[in-house]
Amino acid sequence: MGGTLARLSARGHHVRSVICSIPSEPARRIEEAQTAASILGIESKMLEFGRTTWQVEDILQYELVAAIDSEIRAFRPASIFTHWVNDAHLDHVLVAKATLASSRYSACDVFMCDQPNSSAANPELLNANVYFDVSDFMDVAFRAIGAHVSQVSGTRHVERKAASVAYWGARVGLDAAEAFQCARQVLEW
C-alpha cells in the first residue's frame, strides 16, 4: 500500500507504519524499513517485545493486541490500514486480527489491504470496496519496495505490484489504484 501511504503523506497527513516482527537480520531489516519509510515520507515505528528477532507467531496474541492498543492510544489515528484477514501469509493474518481487535476502542476507519504477493495461492479474493488513486505515486512506491533489499532481491515484487495497481485501476477507471476492503468507516455527515 506504498502508493496510498505516499499519497496521504504528500497531502499533509501524519502517517505512521508500525512494524510487528523482525524474523531475521534485525539491523539490516530495520534500516531497510526506515529507508522505505523515508522514501514514502512517513514515520516508521518498531514494536518491542524484548527480543532482537521474532516471528509474529512467537508473540502471544494478547501481547500483540496490547502493543497495538498502546500504539493506537498514543497516535490516535483517523484511519488504520492493516493486512487482510485472509492473506496467504500467516503473520499478516495475525497482525490483521490483532489490529481489528485493537481498533475496538477507537472511532476510526479501518481498511485492509490486498496481499502483497499476488501470486500466492489463496482460495478467496479481497472483497475490495475502497480504491486509492496512486497513479502519481507509483515511482515512490516502487523505490520503497526496492529499499527492502533483503526481502525483494531476486524477486518480481515490483513487477507484480505494477500488475496489481493496473488491475485495480482498470476496475475503477484509473491508471493505477490500490485496493482495500473497508472493515469500518466512520462517516461524519
C-alpha atoms as a PDB file:
ATOM      1  CA  MET A   1       0.000   0.000   0.000  1.00  0.00           C
ATOM      2  CA  GLY A   2       3.025   2.249  -0.519  1.00  0.00           C
ATOM      3  CA  GLY A   3       1.318   4.435  -3.100  1.00  0.00           C
ATOM      4  CA  THR A   4      -1.529   5.154  -0.697  1.00  0.00           C
ATOM      5  CA  LEU A   5       0.840   5.945   2.163  1.00  0.00           C
ATOM      6  CA  ALA A   6       2.911   8.255  -0.052  1.00  0.00           C
ATOM      7  CA  ARG A   7      -0.237   9.994  -1.298  1.00  0.00           C
ATOM      8  CA  LEU A   8      -1.552  10.539   2.238  1.00  0.00           C
ATOM      9  CA  SER A   9       1.822  11.884   3.355  1.00  0.00           C
ATOM     10  CA  ALA A  10       2.062  14.198   0.338  1.00  0.00           C
ATOM     11  CA  ARG A  11      -1.355  15.598   1.256  1.00  0.00           C
ATOM     12  CA  GLY A  12      -0.117  16.555   4.722  1.00  0.00           C
ATOM     13  CA  HIS A  13      -1.309  13.591   6.779  1.00  0.00           C
ATOM     14  CA  HIS A  14       0.955  12.276   9.533  1.00  0.00           C
ATOM     15  CA  VAL A  15       1.388   8.607   8.606  1.00  0.00           C
ATOM     16  CA  ARG A  16       2.993   6.029  10.889  1.00  0.00           C
ATOM     17  CA  SER A  17       3.919   2.496   9.916  1.00  0.00           C
ATOM     18  CA  VAL A  18       4.042   0.060  12.833  1.00  0.00           C
ATOM     19  CA  ILE A  19       6.293  -2.948  12.305  1.00  0.00           C
ATOM     20  CA  CYS A  20       5.264  -6.008  14.277  1.00  0.00           C
ATOM     21  CA  SER A  21       8.064  -8.503  13.594  1.00  0.00           C
ATOM     22  CA  ILE A  22      11.655  -8.936  12.532  1.00  0.00           C
ATOM     23  CA  PRO A  23      12.196 -12.607  11.725  1.00  0.00           C
ATOM     24  CA  SER A  24      15.877 -12.246  10.784  1.00  0.00           C
ATOM     25  CA  GLU A  25      18.736  -9.782  10.275  1.00  0.00           C
ATOM     26  CA  PRO A  26      17.312  -7.129  12.643  1.00  0.00           C
ATOM     27  CA  ALA A  27      19.830  -4.343  11.969  1.00  0.00           C
ATOM     28  CA  ARG A  28      19.513  -4.702   8.209  1.00  0.00           C
ATOM     29  CA  ARG A  29      15.722  -5.090   8.195  1.00  0.00           C
ATOM     30  CA  ILE A  30      15.193  -2.077  10.485  1.00  0.00           C
ATOM     31  CA  GLU A  31      17.454   0.047   8.275  1.00  0.00           C
ATOM     32  CA  GLU A  32      15.555  -1.081   5.160  1.00  0.00           C
ATOM     33  CA  ALA A  33      12.206  -0.270   6.786  1.00  0.00           C
ATOM     34  CA  GLN A  34      13.436   3.176   7.824  1.00  0.00           C
ATOM     35  CA  THR A  35      14.757   3.837   4.317  1.00  0.00           C
ATOM     36  CA  ALA A  36      11.434   2.775   2.772  1.00  0.00           C
ATOM     37  CA  ALA A  37       9.513   4.951   5.249  1.00  0.00           C
ATOM     38  CA  SER A  38      11.723   7.920   4.386  1.00  0.00           C
ATOM     39  CA  ILE A  39      11.071   7.388   0.667  1.00  0.00           C
ATOM     40  CA  LEU A  40       7.309   7.321   1.337  1.00  0.00           C
ATOM     41  CA  GLY A  41       7.522  10.385   3.607  1.00  0.00           C
ATOM     42  CA  ILE A  42       6.168   8.518   6.624  1.00  0.00           C
ATOM     43  CA  GLU A  43       7.270   7.619  10.145  1.00  0.00           C
ATOM     44  CA  SER A  44       8.245   4.048  10.984  1.00  0.00           C
ATOM     45  CA  LYS A  45       7.814   2.555  14.467  1.00  0.00           C
ATOM     46  CA  MET A  46       9.081  -0.823  15.628  1.00  0.00           C
ATOM     47  CA  LEU A  47       7.134  -2.679  18.308  1.00  0.00           C
ATOM     48  CA  GLU A  48       9.339  -4.021  21.074  1.00  0.00           C
ATOM     49  CA  PHE A  49       8.889  -7.474  22.555  1.00  0.00           C
ATOM     50  CA  GLY A  50      12.193  -7.886  24.407  1.00  0.00           C
ATOM     51  CA  ARG A  51      13.951  -9.827  21.651  1.00  0.00           C
ATOM     52  CA  THR A  52      16.130  -8.916  18.691  1.00  0.00           C
ATOM     53  CA  THR A  53      14.335 -11.235  16.259  1.00  0.00           C
ATOM     54  CA  TRP A  54      10.865 -12.706  16.356  1.00  0.00           C
ATOM     55  CA  GLN A  55       8.106 -14.042  14.178  1.00  0.00           C
ATOM     56  CA  VAL A  56       4.588 -12.773  14.779  1.00  0.00           C
ATOM     57  CA  GLU A  57       3.720 -16.394  15.534  1.00  0.00           C
ATOM     58  CA  ASP A  58       6.107 -16.201  18.540  1.00  0.00           C
ATOM     59  CA  ILE A  59       4.113 -13.385  20.154  1.00  0.00           C
ATOM     60  CA  LEU A  60       1.137 -14.294  22.296  1.00  0.00           C
ATOM     61  CA  GLN A  61      -1.917 -12.795  20.594  1.00  0.00           C
ATOM     62  CA  TYR A  62      -2.951 -10.821  23.687  1.00  0.00           C
ATOM     63  CA  GLU A  63       0.565  -9.294  23.826  1.00  0.00           C
ATOM     64  CA  LEU A  64       0.320  -8.261  20.183  1.00  0.00           C
ATOM     65  CA  VAL A  65      -3.151  -6.782  20.736  1.00  0.00           C
ATOM     66  CA  ALA A  66      -1.887  -4.900  23.814  1.00  0.00           C
ATOM     67  CA  ALA A  67       1.097  -3.498  21.877  1.00  0.00           C
ATOM     68  CA  ILE A  68      -1.145  -2.312  19.031  1.00  0.00           C
ATOM     69  CA  ASP A  69      -3.670  -0.966  21.586  1.00  0.00           C
ATOM     70  CA  SER A  70      -0.873   1.149  23.034  1.00  0.00           C
ATOM     71  CA  GLU A  71       0.094   2.497  19.597  1.00  0.00           C
ATOM     72  CA  ILE A  72      -3.497   3.419  18.780  1.00  0.00           C
ATOM     73  CA  ARG A  73      -3.963   5.198  22.122  1.00  0.00           C
ATOM     74  CA  ALA A  74      -0.711   7.136  21.653  1.00  0.00           C
ATOM     75  CA  PHE A  75      -1.139   8.003  17.947  1.00  0.00           C
ATOM     76  CA  ARG A  76      -4.947   8.402  17.830  1.00  0.00           C
ATOM     77  CA  PRO A  77      -5.283   7.685  14.090  1.00  0.00           C
ATOM     78  CA  ALA A  78      -8.210   8.812  11.973  1.00  0.00           C
ATOM     79  CA  SER A  79      -7.691   5.737   9.789  1.00  0.00           C
ATOM     80  CA  ILE A  80      -5.950   2.427  10.260  1.00  0.00           C
ATOM     81  CA  PHE A  81      -4.618   0.370   7.366  1.00  0.00           C
ATOM     82  CA  THR A  82      -3.713  -3.232   8.030  1.00  0.00           C
ATOM     83  CA  HIS A  83      -3.250  -6.540   6.284  1.00  0.00           C
ATOM     84  CA  TRP A  84      -6.209  -8.504   5.001  1.00  0.00           C
ATOM     85  CA  VAL A  85      -7.518 -11.179   7.380  1.00  0.00           C
ATOM     86  CA  ASN A  86      -7.482 -13.757   4.565  1.00  0.00           C
ATOM     87  CA  ASP A  87      -3.955 -13.007   3.348  1.00  0.00           C
ATOM     88  CA  ALA A  88      -1.969 -16.103   2.369  1.00  0.00           C
ATOM     89  CA  HIS A  89       0.835 -15.108   4.780  1.00  0.00           C
ATOM     90  CA  LEU A  90       0.111 -16.217   8.367  1.00  0.00           C
ATOM     91  CA  ASP A  91       1.947 -13.343  10.073  1.00  0.00           C
ATOM     92  CA  HIS A  92      -0.132 -10.871   8.043  1.00  0.00           C
ATOM     93  CA  VAL A  93      -3.315 -12.630   9.197  1.00  0.00           C
ATOM     94  CA  LEU A  94      -2.244 -12.486  12.857  1.00  0.00           C
ATOM     95  CA  VAL A  95      -1.384  -8.777  12.595  1.00  0.00           C
ATOM     96  CA  ALA A  96      -4.702  -8.056  10.852  1.00  0.00           C
ATOM     97  CA  LYS A  97      -6.704  -9.857  13.542  1.00  0.00           C
ATOM     98  CA  ALA A  98      -4.803  -8.111  16.339  1.00  0.00           C
ATOM     99  CA  THR A  99      -5.283  -4.740  14.630  1.00  0.00           C
ATOM    100  CA  LEU A 100      -9.009  -5.302  14.207  1.00  0.00           C
ATOM    101  CA  ALA A 101      -9.253  -6.239  17.886  1.00  0.00           C
ATOM    102  CA  SER A 102      -7.231  -3.172  18.861  1.00  0.00           C
ATOM    103  CA  SER A 103      -9.479  -0.837  16.884  1.00  0.00           C
ATOM    104  CA  ARG A 104     -12.400  -1.634  19.203  1.00  0.00           C
ATOM    105  CA  TYR A 105     -11.915   1.467  21.390  1.00  0.00           C
ATOM    106  CA  SER A 106     -11.117   3.908  18.590  1.00  0.00           C
ATOM    107  CA  ALA A 107     -13.687   5.655  16.407  1.00  0.00           C
ATOM    108  CA  CYS A 108     -11.630   5.472  13.233  1.00  0.00           C
ATOM    109  CA  ASP A 109     -11.771   3.996   9.765  1.00  0.00           C
ATOM    110  CA  VAL A 110     -10.216   0.556   9.308  1.00  0.00           C
ATOM    111  CA  PHE A 111      -9.064  -0.671   5.907  1.00  0.00           C
ATOM    112  CA  MET A 112      -7.446  -3.983   4.982  1.00  0.00           C
ATOM    113  CA  CYS A 113      -5.065  -4.070   2.017  1.00  0.00           C
ATOM    114  CA  ASP A 114      -4.683  -6.636  -0.725  1.00  0.00           C
ATOM    115  CA  GLN A 115      -1.978  -9.208  -0.064  1.00  0.00           C
ATOM    116  CA  PRO A 116       1.394  -8.042  -1.362  1.00  0.00           C
ATOM    117  CA  ASN A 117       2.242 -11.337  -3.056  1.00  0.00           C
ATOM    118  CA  SER A 118      -0.421 -11.532  -5.722  1.00  0.00           C
ATOM    119  CA  SER A 119       0.886 -14.898  -6.931  1.00  0.00           C
ATOM    120  CA  ALA A 120       0.405 -16.622  -3.551  1.00  0.00           C
ATOM    121  CA  ALA A 121      -2.239 -19.306  -3.508  1.00  0.00           C
ATOM    122  CA  ASN A 122      -5.446 -18.089  -1.910  1.00  0.00           C
ATOM    123  CA  PRO A 123      -8.937 -19.575  -2.213  1.00  0.00           C
ATOM    124  CA  GLU A 124     -10.551 -16.195  -1.607  1.00  0.00           C
ATOM    125  CA  LEU A 125     -10.030 -12.819  -3.269  1.00  0.00           C
ATOM    126  CA  LEU A 126     -10.012  -9.493  -1.455  1.00  0.00           C
ATOM    127  CA  ASN A 127     -13.512  -8.018  -1.363  1.00  0.00           C
ATOM    128  CA  ALA A 128     -12.236  -4.615  -2.478  1.00  0.00           C
ATOM    129  CA  ASN A 129     -14.662  -1.761  -1.927  1.00  0.00           C
ATOM    130  CA  VAL A 130     -12.295   1.213  -1.493  1.00  0.00           C
ATOM    131  CA  TYR A 131      -9.725   2.359  -4.053  1.00  0.00           C
ATOM    132  CA  PHE A 132      -6.998   4.989  -3.801  1.00  0.00           C
ATOM    133  CA  ASP A 133      -5.728   6.618  -6.978  1.00  0.00           C
ATOM    134  CA  VAL A 134      -1.964   6.116  -6.785  1.00  0.00           C
ATOM    135  CA  SER A 135      -1.169   6.971 -10.407  1.00  0.00           C
ATOM    136  CA  ASP A 136       1.157   9.806  -9.371  1.00  0.00           C
ATOM    137  CA  PHE A 137       2.881   7.837  -6.597  1.00  0.00           C
ATOM    138  CA  MET A 138       3.950   4.574  -8.183  1.00  0.00           C
ATOM    139  CA  ASP A 139       7.573   5.606  -8.718  1.00  0.00           C
ATOM    140  CA  VAL A 140       7.788   6.357  -4.979  1.00  0.00           C
ATOM    141  CA  ALA A 141       6.103   3.054  -4.085  1.00  0.00           C
ATOM    142  CA  PHE A 142       8.474   1.106  -6.342  1.00  0.00           C
ATOM    143  CA  ARG A 143      11.522   2.787  -4.779  1.00  0.00           C
ATOM    144  CA  ALA A 144      10.182   1.970  -1.299  1.00  0.00           C
ATOM    145  CA  ILE A 145       9.698  -1.681  -2.283  1.00  0.00           C
ATOM    146  CA  GLY A 146      13.253  -1.709  -3.635  1.00  0.00           C
ATOM    147  CA  ALA A 147      14.583  -0.456  -0.289  1.00  0.00           C
ATOM    148  CA  HIS A 148      13.701  -3.843   1.228  1.00  0.00           C
ATOM    149  CA  VAL A 149      16.690  -5.470  -0.476  1.00  0.00           C
ATOM    150  CA  SER A 150      16.850  -8.447   1.899  1.00  0.00           C
ATOM    151  CA  GLN A 151      13.270  -9.371   1.017  1.00  0.00           C
ATOM    152  CA  VAL A 152      12.880  -8.451  -2.649  1.00  0.00           C
ATOM    153  CA  SER A 153      16.300  -9.116  -4.181  1.00  0.00           C
ATOM    154  CA  GLY A 154      15.854 -11.637  -6.984  1.00  0.00           C
ATOM    155  CA  THR A 155      12.046 -11.480  -6.795  1.00  0.00           C
ATOM    156  CA  ARG A 156       9.425  -9.929  -9.021  1.00  0.00           C
ATOM    157  CA  HIS A 157       7.770  -7.755  -6.344  1.00  0.00           C
ATOM    158  CA  VAL A 158       7.849  -4.525  -8.361  1.00  0.00           C
ATOM    159  CA  GLU A 159       6.560  -6.247 -11.496  1.00  0.00           C
ATOM    160  CA  ARG A 160       3.720  -7.863  -9.509  1.00  0.00           C
ATOM    161  CA  LYS A 161       2.911  -4.558  -7.819  1.00  0.00           C
ATOM    162  CA  ALA A 162       2.702  -2.850 -11.222  1.00  0.00           C
ATOM    163  CA  ALA A 163       0.292  -5.539 -12.438  1.00  0.00           C
ATOM    164  CA  SER A 164      -1.788  -5.257  -9.256  1.00  0.00           C
ATOM    165  CA  VAL A 165      -2.241  -1.474  -9.383  1.00  0.00           C
ATOM    166  CA  ALA A 166      -3.035  -1.675 -13.113  1.00  0.00           C
ATOM    167  CA  TYR A 167      -5.673  -4.347 -12.427  1.00  0.00           C
ATOM    168  CA  TRP A 168      -7.334  -2.449  -9.567  1.00  0.00           C
ATOM    169  CA  GLY A 169      -7.062   0.812 -11.507  1.00  0.00           C
ATOM    170  CA  ALA A 170      -8.775  -0.701 -14.537  1.00  0.00           C
ATOM    171  CA  ARG A 171     -11.658  -1.831 -12.319  1.00  0.00           C
ATOM    172  CA  VAL A 172     -12.420   1.774 -11.353  1.00  0.00           C
ATOM    173  CA  GLY A 173     -11.238   3.712 -14.421  1.00  0.00           C
ATOM    174  CA  LEU A 174      -7.824   4.831 -13.144  1.00  0.00           C
ATOM    175  CA  ASP A 175      -4.300   4.263 -14.412  1.00  0.00           C
ATOM    176  CA  ALA A 176      -3.209   2.828 -11.045  1.00  0.00           C
ATOM    177  CA  ALA A 177      -5.115   2.113  -7.853  1.00  0.00           C
ATOM    178  CA  GLU A 178      -4.512   0.327  -4.594  1.00  0.00           C
ATOM    179  CA  ALA A 179      -7.499  -1.623  -3.337  1.00  0.00           C
ATOM    180  CA  PHE A 180      -8.749  -2.088   0.209  1.00  0.00           C
ATOM    181  CA  GLN A 181     -11.597  -3.773   1.976  1.00  0.00           C
ATOM    182  CA  CYS A 182     -13.271  -1.395   4.389  1.00  0.00           C
ATOM    183  CA  ALA A 183     -13.806  -3.129   7.738  1.00  0.00           C
ATOM    184  CA  ARG A 184     -15.247   0.002   9.328  1.00  0.00           C
ATOM    185  CA  GLN A 185     -15.778   3.580   8.249  1.00  0.00           C
ATOM    186  CA  VAL A 186     -16.884   6.418  10.479  1.00  0.00           C
ATOM    187  CA  LEU A 187     -18.826   8.949   8.423  1.00  0.00           C
ATOM    188  CA  GLU A 188     -19.314  12.495   9.581  1.00  0.00           C
ATOM    189  CA  TRP A 189     -22.358  13.876   7.755  1.00  0.00           C
END
